[in-house]
Amino acid sequence: MPRAVDGTKRKDHRKKILKLAKGYRGRRSTNHKTAKDAVAKGLMYAYRDRRDRKPTFRRLWIARINAACRNEGISYSRFIEAAAKANIVVDRKVLADIALRDPAAFKVIVEQAKAASVKA
């Protein structure tokens, strides 16, 4: 049986790969053979980095909370401990957002945490 060189399935597959390679530099965006490798590598990085994004954002949130806490005269670790004692159940993502967008509300949260820390 002869090899299919210009069939629709083959064209569709190549078109799909080249569509994914759009925006790549040089032959990686126009040549199927090199685009195939570039797309495979790009998809690998995308998969890996979707998982790597979670701890990266957690580090960012912790850094923001720490900076806001230091302005209130308390360290991040002491604040988290005090917040747990005060039964403040707000995750780091939301705390970081509050610290960034509404410093007055964050100050209230820190004061509540400090008060619970002193009682215990």
N, C-alpha and C. Protein backbone atom coordinates (compact mmCIF):
# COMPACT_ATOMS: atom_id res chain seq x y z
N MET A 1 0.84 -1.19 0.00
CA MET A 1 0.00 0.00 0.00
C MET A 1 0.88 1.25 0.00
N PRO A 2 0.60 2.23 -0.86
CA PRO A 2 1.45 3.41 -0.96
C PRO A 2 1.31 4.31 0.28
N ARG A 3 2.37 5.06 0.54
CA ARG A 3 2.40 5.97 1.68
C ARG A 3 1.61 7.23 1.35
N ALA A 4 0.76 7.68 2.28
CA ALA A 4 -0.03 8.89 2.06
C ALA A 4 0.85 10.11 2.28
N VAL A 5 0.96 10.91 1.23
CA VAL A 5 1.83 12.08 1.30
C VAL A 5 1.02 13.37 1.45
N ASP A 6 -0.12 13.44 0.78
CA ASP A 6 -0.88 14.69 0.79
C ASP A 6 -2.35 14.45 1.13
N GLY A 7 -2.62 13.51 2.02
CA GLY A 7 -3.99 13.24 2.43
C GLY A 7 -4.48 14.27 3.43
N THR A 8 -5.80 14.31 3.64
CA THR A 8 -6.37 15.33 4.53
C THR A 8 -5.97 15.12 5.98
N LYS A 9 -5.89 13.87 6.42
CA LYS A 9 -5.51 13.62 7.81
C LYS A 9 -4.11 14.13 8.08
N ARG A 10 -3.22 13.87 7.16
CA ARG A 10 -1.83 14.31 7.30
C ARG A 10 -1.75 15.83 7.30
N LYS A 11 -2.51 16.46 6.39
CA LYS A 11 -2.52 17.93 6.33
C LYS A 11 -3.09 18.52 7.62
N ASP A 12 -4.17 17.91 8.11
CA ASP A 12 -4.79 18.42 9.33
C ASP A 12 -3.83 18.32 10.52
N HIS A 13 -3.11 17.21 10.59
CA HIS A 13 -2.15 17.03 11.69
C HIS A 13 -1.04 18.08 11.62
N ARG A 14 -0.51 18.29 10.41
CA ARG A 14 0.54 19.30 10.25
C ARG A 14 0.03 20.69 10.56
N LYS A 15 -1.20 20.97 10.11
CA LYS A 15 -1.79 22.28 10.34
C LYS A 15 -1.96 22.53 11.84
N LYS A 16 -2.35 21.48 12.58
CA LYS A 16 -2.53 21.60 14.02
C LYS A 16 -1.21 21.93 14.71
N ILE A 17 -0.15 21.24 14.30
CA ILE A 17 1.17 21.48 14.90
C ILE A 17 1.64 22.90 14.58
N LEU A 18 1.49 23.33 13.33
CA LEU A 18 1.93 24.67 12.95
C LEU A 18 1.10 25.76 13.62
N LYS A 19 -0.18 25.46 13.87
CA LYS A 19 -1.01 26.43 14.57
C LYS A 19 -0.51 26.61 16.01
N LEU A 20 -0.13 25.49 16.65
CA LEU A 20 0.41 25.57 18.01
C LEU A 20 1.76 26.29 18.04
N ALA A 21 2.49 26.24 16.92
CA ALA A 21 3.83 26.84 16.85
C ALA A 21 3.78 28.30 16.41
N LYS A 22 2.60 28.86 16.27
CA LYS A 22 2.48 30.25 15.84
C LYS A 22 3.16 31.16 16.85
N GLY A 23 3.97 32.08 16.36
CA GLY A 23 4.68 33.00 17.24
C GLY A 23 6.09 32.55 17.58
N TYR A 24 6.43 31.31 17.24
CA TYR A 24 7.80 30.85 17.47
C TYR A 24 8.71 31.51 16.45
N ARG A 25 10.01 31.55 16.73
CA ARG A 25 10.95 32.25 15.86
C ARG A 25 11.54 31.32 14.81
N GLY A 26 11.79 31.87 13.64
CA GLY A 26 12.48 31.14 12.58
C GLY A 26 11.70 29.95 12.06
N ARG A 27 12.44 28.90 11.72
CA ARG A 27 11.81 27.71 11.13
C ARG A 27 10.90 26.99 12.10
N ARG A 28 11.04 27.27 13.37
CA ARG A 28 10.21 26.58 14.37
C ARG A 28 8.73 26.87 14.15
N SER A 29 8.40 27.97 13.48
CA SER A 29 7.00 28.30 13.26
C SER A 29 6.50 27.89 11.87
N THR A 30 7.40 27.55 10.95
CA THR A 30 6.97 27.27 9.58
C THR A 30 7.31 25.86 9.11
N ASN A 31 8.33 25.26 9.67
CA ASN A 31 8.78 23.94 9.24
C ASN A 31 8.21 22.88 10.19
N HIS A 32 7.43 21.96 9.64
CA HIS A 32 6.74 20.98 10.48
C HIS A 32 7.70 20.17 11.34
N LYS A 33 8.81 19.77 10.75
CA LYS A 33 9.75 18.90 11.46
C LYS A 33 10.31 19.58 12.72
N THR A 34 10.71 20.84 12.59
CA THR A 34 11.25 21.54 13.76
C THR A 34 10.13 22.04 14.67
N ALA A 35 9.01 22.41 14.07
CA ALA A 35 7.87 22.90 14.87
C ALA A 35 7.35 21.80 15.79
N LYS A 36 7.37 20.57 15.30
CA LYS A 36 6.89 19.43 16.08
C LYS A 36 7.68 19.31 17.39
N ASP A 37 9.00 19.41 17.29
CA ASP A 37 9.85 19.33 18.48
C ASP A 37 9.62 20.52 19.40
N ALA A 38 9.52 21.72 18.80
CA ALA A 38 9.35 22.93 19.59
C ALA A 38 8.02 22.90 20.34
N VAL A 39 6.97 22.44 19.68
CA VAL A 39 5.64 22.37 20.31
C VAL A 39 5.66 21.34 21.43
N ALA A 40 6.28 20.20 21.20
CA ALA A 40 6.36 19.16 22.24
C ALA A 40 7.05 19.71 23.48
N LYS A 41 8.15 20.42 23.28
CA LYS A 41 8.89 20.98 24.40
C LYS A 41 8.06 22.07 25.10
N GLY A 42 7.40 22.89 24.29
CA GLY A 42 6.56 23.95 24.85
C GLY A 42 5.43 23.39 25.69
N LEU A 43 4.81 22.31 25.23
CA LEU A 43 3.73 21.69 25.99
C LEU A 43 4.25 21.06 27.28
N MET A 44 5.47 20.53 27.23
CA MET A 44 6.08 19.98 28.45
C MET A 44 6.30 21.08 29.49
N TYR A 45 6.83 22.21 29.02
CA TYR A 45 7.06 23.33 29.93
C TYR A 45 5.73 23.84 30.49
N ALA A 46 4.71 23.91 29.65
CA ALA A 46 3.40 24.39 30.10
C ALA A 46 2.85 23.50 31.20
N TYR A 47 2.96 22.19 31.01
CA TYR A 47 2.47 21.21 32.00
C TYR A 47 3.23 21.38 33.32
N ARG A 48 4.56 21.45 33.22
CA ARG A 48 5.39 21.57 34.41
C ARG A 48 5.10 22.88 35.15
N ASP A 49 4.98 23.97 34.39
CA ASP A 49 4.84 25.27 35.02
C ASP A 49 3.46 25.52 35.59
N ARG A 50 2.44 24.80 35.09
CA ARG A 50 1.13 24.89 35.73
C ARG A 50 1.21 24.38 37.16
N ARG A 51 2.03 23.37 37.38
CA ARG A 51 2.21 22.83 38.73
C ARG A 51 3.14 23.70 39.56
N ASP A 52 4.10 24.32 38.91
CA ASP A 52 5.08 25.16 39.61
C ASP A 52 4.48 26.50 40.03
N ARG A 53 3.38 26.89 39.39
CA ARG A 53 2.77 28.18 39.68
C ARG A 53 2.23 28.25 41.11
N LYS A 54 1.74 27.12 41.63
CA LYS A 54 1.11 27.11 42.94
C LYS A 54 2.06 27.55 44.06
N PRO A 55 3.22 26.89 44.22
CA PRO A 55 4.14 27.35 45.27
C PRO A 55 4.72 28.73 45.00
N THR A 56 4.84 29.11 43.74
CA THR A 56 5.36 30.44 43.40
C THR A 56 4.42 31.52 43.92
N PHE A 57 3.12 31.33 43.69
CA PHE A 57 2.15 32.31 44.17
C PHE A 57 2.09 32.31 45.69
N ARG A 58 2.20 31.13 46.31
CA ARG A 58 2.18 31.07 47.77
C ARG A 58 3.34 31.90 48.35
N ARG A 59 4.52 31.79 47.73
CA ARG A 59 5.67 32.59 48.19
C ARG A 59 5.39 34.08 48.05
N LEU A 60 4.74 34.47 46.95
CA LEU A 60 4.40 35.87 46.72
C LEU A 60 3.43 36.37 47.79
N TRP A 61 2.38 35.56 48.08
CA TRP A 61 1.41 35.95 49.09
C TRP A 61 2.07 36.10 50.45
N ILE A 62 2.95 35.19 50.80
CA ILE A 62 3.63 35.24 52.10
C ILE A 62 4.50 36.49 52.18
N ALA A 63 5.19 36.81 51.10
CA ALA A 63 6.04 38.02 51.08
C ALA A 63 5.19 39.27 51.27
N ARG A 64 4.03 39.32 50.63
CA ARG A 64 3.15 40.50 50.76
C ARG A 64 2.59 40.62 52.17
N ILE A 65 2.16 39.49 52.73
CA ILE A 65 1.62 39.51 54.09
C ILE A 65 2.71 39.92 55.07
N ASN A 66 3.91 39.39 54.88
CA ASN A 66 5.03 39.71 55.76
C ASN A 66 5.33 41.21 55.72
N ALA A 67 5.34 41.79 54.53
CA ALA A 67 5.62 43.22 54.40
C ALA A 67 4.55 44.05 55.12
N ALA A 68 3.31 43.66 54.95
CA ALA A 68 2.21 44.39 55.60
C ALA A 68 2.27 44.20 57.12
N CYS A 69 2.62 43.01 57.57
CA CYS A 69 2.72 42.74 59.01
C CYS A 69 3.83 43.57 59.63
N ARG A 70 4.95 43.65 58.95
CA ARG A 70 6.09 44.41 59.48
C ARG A 70 5.72 45.89 59.66
N ASN A 71 4.85 46.41 58.76
CA ASN A 71 4.38 47.79 58.92
C ASN A 71 3.55 47.94 60.19
N GLU A 72 2.92 46.84 60.63
CA GLU A 72 2.10 46.85 61.84
C GLU A 72 2.90 46.43 63.07
N GLY A 73 4.20 46.15 62.90
CA GLY A 73 5.07 45.83 64.03
C GLY A 73 5.01 44.39 64.51
N ILE A 74 4.73 43.48 63.59
CA ILE A 74 4.69 42.06 63.95
C ILE A 74 5.28 41.27 62.78
N SER A 75 5.92 40.14 63.08
CA SER A 75 6.50 39.34 62.01
C SER A 75 5.42 38.44 61.41
N TYR A 76 5.69 37.91 60.25
CA TYR A 76 4.74 37.04 59.55
C TYR A 76 4.41 35.81 60.39
N SER A 77 5.45 35.15 60.91
CA SER A 77 5.21 33.90 61.64
C SER A 77 4.39 34.15 62.91
N ARG A 78 4.68 35.24 63.62
CA ARG A 78 3.93 35.56 64.83
C ARG A 78 2.48 35.91 64.49
N PHE A 79 2.30 36.59 63.34
CA PHE A 79 0.95 36.95 62.91
C PHE A 79 0.13 35.70 62.58
N ILE A 80 0.72 34.76 61.84
CA ILE A 80 0.01 33.54 61.45
C ILE A 80 -0.36 32.73 62.70
N GLU A 81 0.57 32.65 63.66
CA GLU A 81 0.31 31.94 64.91
C GLU A 81 -0.84 32.62 65.67
N ALA A 82 -0.77 33.94 65.76
CA ALA A 82 -1.80 34.70 66.48
C ALA A 82 -3.15 34.60 65.76
N ALA A 83 -3.13 34.61 64.44
CA ALA A 83 -4.38 34.50 63.68
C ALA A 83 -5.04 33.14 63.90
N ALA A 84 -4.23 32.11 64.03
CA ALA A 84 -4.77 30.77 64.31
C ALA A 84 -5.41 30.74 65.70
N LYS A 85 -4.77 31.39 66.68
CA LYS A 85 -5.33 31.45 68.04
C LYS A 85 -6.62 32.25 68.07
N ALA A 86 -6.69 33.28 67.21
CA ALA A 86 -7.88 34.14 67.16
C ALA A 86 -8.98 33.56 66.28
N ASN A 87 -8.74 32.35 65.76
CA ASN A 87 -9.70 31.68 64.85
C ASN A 87 -10.03 32.53 63.63
N ILE A 88 -9.02 33.20 63.10
CA ILE A 88 -9.17 33.95 61.84
C ILE A 88 -8.86 32.96 60.72
N VAL A 89 -9.89 32.52 60.03
CA VAL A 89 -9.71 31.49 58.99
C VAL A 89 -9.81 32.14 57.60
N VAL A 90 -8.81 32.92 57.30
CA VAL A 90 -8.70 33.54 55.98
C VAL A 90 -7.40 33.03 55.38
N ASP A 91 -7.47 32.52 54.15
CA ASP A 91 -6.26 31.95 53.55
C ASP A 91 -5.28 33.04 53.13
N ARG A 92 -4.08 32.62 52.78
CA ARG A 92 -3.00 33.55 52.48
C ARG A 92 -3.29 34.38 51.23
N LYS A 93 -3.97 33.79 50.29
CA LYS A 93 -4.30 34.51 49.05
C LYS A 93 -5.17 35.73 49.37
N VAL A 94 -6.19 35.52 50.18
CA VAL A 94 -7.12 36.59 50.53
C VAL A 94 -6.43 37.60 51.45
N LEU A 95 -5.64 37.11 52.41
CA LEU A 95 -4.91 38.02 53.30
C LEU A 95 -3.99 38.94 52.51
N ALA A 96 -3.27 38.37 51.54
CA ALA A 96 -2.36 39.17 50.72
C ALA A 96 -3.13 40.21 49.93
N ASP A 97 -4.30 39.84 49.42
CA ASP A 97 -5.12 40.77 48.65
C ASP A 97 -5.63 41.90 49.54
N ILE A 98 -6.07 41.55 50.74
CA ILE A 98 -6.53 42.57 51.69
C ILE A 98 -5.38 43.50 52.06
N ALA A 99 -4.21 42.92 52.32
CA ALA A 99 -3.04 43.72 52.70
C ALA A 99 -2.66 44.71 51.59
N LEU A 100 -2.83 44.27 50.36
CA LEU A 100 -2.45 45.11 49.21
C LEU A 100 -3.48 46.18 48.92
N ARG A 101 -4.77 45.80 48.93
CA ARG A 101 -5.82 46.72 48.49
C ARG A 101 -6.48 47.53 49.61
N ASP A 102 -6.50 46.98 50.82
CA ASP A 102 -7.19 47.66 51.91
C ASP A 102 -6.38 47.57 53.21
N PRO A 103 -5.34 48.39 53.32
CA PRO A 103 -4.47 48.32 54.50
C PRO A 103 -5.21 48.55 55.82
N ALA A 104 -6.27 49.34 55.80
CA ALA A 104 -7.02 49.61 57.03
C ALA A 104 -7.69 48.33 57.53
N ALA A 105 -8.27 47.56 56.63
CA ALA A 105 -8.91 46.30 57.01
C ALA A 105 -7.87 45.30 57.50
N PHE A 106 -6.70 45.30 56.86
CA PHE A 106 -5.64 44.40 57.29
C PHE A 106 -5.16 44.77 58.69
N LYS A 107 -5.11 46.06 58.96
CA LYS A 107 -4.70 46.52 60.29
C LYS A 107 -5.66 46.01 61.36
N VAL A 108 -6.96 46.00 61.05
CA VAL A 108 -7.97 45.49 61.98
C VAL A 108 -7.74 44.00 62.25
N ILE A 109 -7.45 43.25 61.19
CA ILE A 109 -7.19 41.81 61.33
C ILE A 109 -5.97 41.58 62.21
N VAL A 110 -4.91 42.37 61.98
CA VAL A 110 -3.68 42.23 62.78
C VAL A 110 -3.96 42.56 64.24
N GLU A 111 -4.75 43.59 64.49
CA GLU A 111 -5.08 43.97 65.88
C GLU A 111 -5.86 42.86 66.57
N GLN A 112 -6.80 42.23 65.84
CA GLN A 112 -7.56 41.10 66.41
C GLN A 112 -6.62 39.95 66.75
N ALA A 113 -5.70 39.68 65.85
CA ALA A 113 -4.75 38.60 66.07
C ALA A 113 -3.85 38.90 67.27
N LYS A 114 -3.37 40.13 67.35
CA LYS A 114 -2.51 40.52 68.48
C LYS A 114 -3.27 40.39 69.80
N ALA A 115 -4.53 40.81 69.81
CA ALA A 115 -5.33 40.73 71.04
C ALA A 115 -5.50 39.27 71.47
N ALA A 116 -5.73 38.38 70.54
CA ALA A 116 -5.90 36.96 70.87
C ALA A 116 -4.57 36.38 71.34
N SER A 117 -3.47 36.88 70.79
CA SER A 117 -2.15 36.38 71.17
C SER A 117 -1.82 36.76 72.62
N VAL A 118 -2.22 37.97 73.01
CA VAL A 118 -1.94 38.45 74.37
C VAL A 118 -2.76 37.67 75.38
N LYS A 119 -4.03 37.35 75.06
CA LYS A 119 -4.91 36.63 75.97
C LYS A 119 -4.40 35.22 76.26
N ALA A 120 -3.88 34.57 75.22
CA ALA A 120 -3.47 33.17 75.36
C ALA A 120 -2.16 32.99 76.07
